[in-house]
Amino acid sequence: MAGTNGLIAALTQLSEAPPAPRGPRCTVGAILDGLDTATAQKVRDVLDTPGISATQLADTLTASGHPVQAPAVARHRRRGASNGCRCPR
């Protein structure tokens, strides 16, 4: 019988690792990750502005070469909620 110490160590490491993310990456989060710091901050500011609709922001991002749909923007705005994306708040 092969030694079990290696197996026990591997299983322990696996059980202590953070869970792997499920599902596809948030489109808005991926866009933010690809932008320079100043632009990403401006997008975050607009995301936190209730007077700007998800459709307006999605259209602006798409026109600037970052295709995204309004429901993805709305879901990102609800991040942290049960019906939002998994991006950190």
C-alpha atoms as a PDB file:
ATOM      1  CA  MET A   1       0.000   0.000   0.000  1.00  0.00           C
ATOM      2  CA  ALA A   2       1.371   3.401  -0.901  1.00  0.00           C
ATOM      3  CA  GLY A   3       2.081   5.901   1.867  1.00  0.00           C
ATOM      4  CA  THR A   4      -0.871   8.050   2.830  1.00  0.00           C
ATOM      5  CA  ASN A   5       1.049  11.036   4.220  1.00  0.00           C
ATOM      6  CA  GLY A   6       1.302  12.649   0.788  1.00  0.00           C
ATOM      7  CA  LEU A   7      -2.364  12.053   0.106  1.00  0.00           C
ATOM      8  CA  ILE A   8      -3.391  13.438   3.497  1.00  0.00           C
ATOM      9  CA  ALA A   9      -1.269  16.549   2.935  1.00  0.00           C
ATOM     10  CA  ALA A  10      -2.714  17.075  -0.547  1.00  0.00           C
ATOM     11  CA  LEU A  11      -6.293  16.632   0.678  1.00  0.00           C
ATOM     12  CA  THR A  12      -5.681  18.999   3.598  1.00  0.00           C
ATOM     13  CA  GLN A  13      -4.279  21.624   1.243  1.00  0.00           C
ATOM     14  CA  LEU A  14      -7.264  21.185  -1.077  1.00  0.00           C
ATOM     15  CA  SER A  15      -9.781  21.565   1.754  1.00  0.00           C
ATOM     16  CA  GLU A  16      -8.050  24.709   3.079  1.00  0.00           C
ATOM     17  CA  ALA A  17      -7.848  26.425  -0.318  1.00  0.00           C
ATOM     18  CA  PRO A  18     -10.426  29.104  -1.090  1.00  0.00           C
ATOM     19  CA  PRO A  19     -13.289  27.849  -3.243  1.00  0.00           C
ATOM     20  CA  ALA A  20     -12.875  28.211  -6.983  1.00  0.00           C
ATOM     21  CA  PRO A  21     -15.109  30.887  -8.496  1.00  0.00           C
ATOM     22  CA  ARG A  22     -18.172  29.527 -10.249  1.00  0.00           C
ATOM     23  CA  GLY A  23     -19.586  30.798 -13.487  1.00  0.00           C
ATOM     24  CA  PRO A  24     -18.251  33.312 -15.968  1.00  0.00           C
ATOM     25  CA  ARG A  25     -16.382  36.455 -14.966  1.00  0.00           C
ATOM     26  CA  CYS A  26     -18.456  39.614 -14.551  1.00  0.00           C
ATOM     27  CA  THR A  27     -18.241  41.589 -17.801  1.00  0.00           C
ATOM     28  CA  VAL A  28     -18.049  44.947 -16.033  1.00  0.00           C
ATOM     29  CA  GLY A  29     -15.364  43.651 -13.654  1.00  0.00           C
ATOM     30  CA  ALA A  30     -13.331  42.405 -16.623  1.00  0.00           C
ATOM     31  CA  ILE A  31     -13.675  45.794 -18.325  1.00  0.00           C
ATOM     32  CA  LEU A  32     -12.574  47.603 -15.162  1.00  0.00           C
ATOM     33  CA  ASP A  33      -9.547  45.307 -14.846  1.00  0.00           C
ATOM     34  CA  GLY A  34      -8.480  46.208 -18.387  1.00  0.00           C
ATOM     35  CA  LEU A  35      -8.677  49.990 -17.958  1.00  0.00           C
ATOM     36  CA  ASP A  36      -6.008  52.343 -16.690  1.00  0.00           C
ATOM     37  CA  THR A  37      -6.455  53.509 -13.101  1.00  0.00           C
ATOM     38  CA  ALA A  38      -7.969  56.929 -13.847  1.00  0.00           C
ATOM     39  CA  THR A  39     -10.466  55.605 -16.386  1.00  0.00           C
ATOM     40  CA  ALA A  40     -11.466  52.687 -14.165  1.00  0.00           C
ATOM     41  CA  GLN A  41     -12.087  55.111 -11.295  1.00  0.00           C
ATOM     42  CA  LYS A  42     -14.282  57.296 -13.517  1.00  0.00           C
ATOM     43  CA  VAL A  43     -16.316  54.240 -14.556  1.00  0.00           C
ATOM     44  CA  ARG A  44     -16.687  53.287 -10.865  1.00  0.00           C
ATOM     45  CA  ASP A  45     -17.866  56.822 -10.086  1.00  0.00           C
ATOM     46  CA  VAL A  46     -20.480  56.621 -12.847  1.00  0.00           C
ATOM     47  CA  LEU A  47     -21.546  53.153 -11.651  1.00  0.00           C
ATOM     48  CA  ASP A  48     -22.250  54.714  -8.247  1.00  0.00           C
ATOM     49  CA  THR A  49     -24.295  57.567  -9.762  1.00  0.00           C
ATOM     50  CA  PRO A  50     -27.991  56.603  -9.547  1.00  0.00           C
ATOM     51  CA  GLY A  51     -29.048  59.219 -12.112  1.00  0.00           C
ATOM     52  CA  ILE A  52     -27.142  57.451 -14.880  1.00  0.00           C
ATOM     53  CA  SER A  53     -28.976  54.378 -16.110  1.00  0.00           C
ATOM     54  CA  ALA A  54     -27.411  51.012 -16.775  1.00  0.00           C
ATOM     55  CA  THR A  55     -28.444  51.394 -20.420  1.00  0.00           C
ATOM     56  CA  GLN A  56     -26.693  54.754 -20.741  1.00  0.00           C
ATOM     57  CA  LEU A  57     -23.492  53.382 -19.244  1.00  0.00           C
ATOM     58  CA  ALA A  58     -23.632  50.176 -21.303  1.00  0.00           C
ATOM     59  CA  ASP A  59     -24.123  52.189 -24.500  1.00  0.00           C
ATOM     60  CA  THR A  60     -21.209  54.493 -23.620  1.00  0.00           C
ATOM     61  CA  LEU A  61     -18.868  51.608 -22.779  1.00  0.00           C
ATOM     62  CA  THR A  62     -19.877  49.701 -25.921  1.00  0.00           C
ATOM     63  CA  ALA A  63     -19.371  52.770 -28.123  1.00  0.00           C
ATOM     64  CA  SER A  64     -15.878  53.091 -26.619  1.00  0.00           C
ATOM     65  CA  GLY A  65     -14.929  49.544 -27.579  1.00  0.00           C
ATOM     66  CA  HIS A  66     -15.942  47.757 -24.378  1.00  0.00           C
ATOM     67  CA  PRO A  67     -19.039  45.743 -25.330  1.00  0.00           C
ATOM     68  CA  VAL A  68     -21.396  45.180 -22.415  1.00  0.00           C
ATOM     69  CA  GLN A  69     -25.152  44.912 -22.036  1.00  0.00           C
ATOM     70  CA  ALA A  70     -27.297  46.919 -19.630  1.00  0.00           C
ATOM     71  CA  PRO A  71     -28.310  43.887 -17.499  1.00  0.00           C
ATOM     72  CA  ALA A  72     -24.622  43.181 -16.810  1.00  0.00           C
ATOM     73  CA  VAL A  73     -24.136  46.776 -15.664  1.00  0.00           C
ATOM     74  CA  ALA A  74     -27.221  46.555 -13.444  1.00  0.00           C
ATOM     75  CA  ARG A  75     -26.040  43.232 -11.974  1.00  0.00           C
ATOM     76  CA  HIS A  76     -22.593  44.724 -11.258  1.00  0.00           C
ATOM     77  CA  ARG A  77     -24.248  47.651  -9.483  1.00  0.00           C
ATOM     78  CA  ARG A  78     -25.897  45.105  -7.168  1.00  0.00           C
ATOM     79  CA  ARG A  79     -22.568  43.364  -6.409  1.00  0.00           C
ATOM     80  CA  GLY A  80     -22.539  41.811  -2.981  1.00  0.00           C
ATOM     81  CA  ALA A  81     -26.305  41.264  -3.040  1.00  0.00           C
ATOM     82  CA  SER A  82     -27.843  37.855  -3.663  1.00  0.00           C
ATOM     83  CA  ASN A  83     -28.873  38.921  -7.174  1.00  0.00           C
ATOM     84  CA  GLY A  84     -25.656  40.781  -8.010  1.00  0.00           C
ATOM     85  CA  CYS A  85     -22.305  39.736  -9.398  1.00  0.00           C
ATOM     86  CA  ARG A  86     -19.453  38.353  -7.311  1.00  0.00           C
ATOM     87  CA  CYS A  87     -17.163  41.375  -7.732  1.00  0.00           C
ATOM     88  CA  PRO A  88     -16.094  42.871  -4.408  1.00  0.00           C
ATOM     89  CA  ARG A  89     -18.095  45.840  -3.164  1.00  0.00           C
END
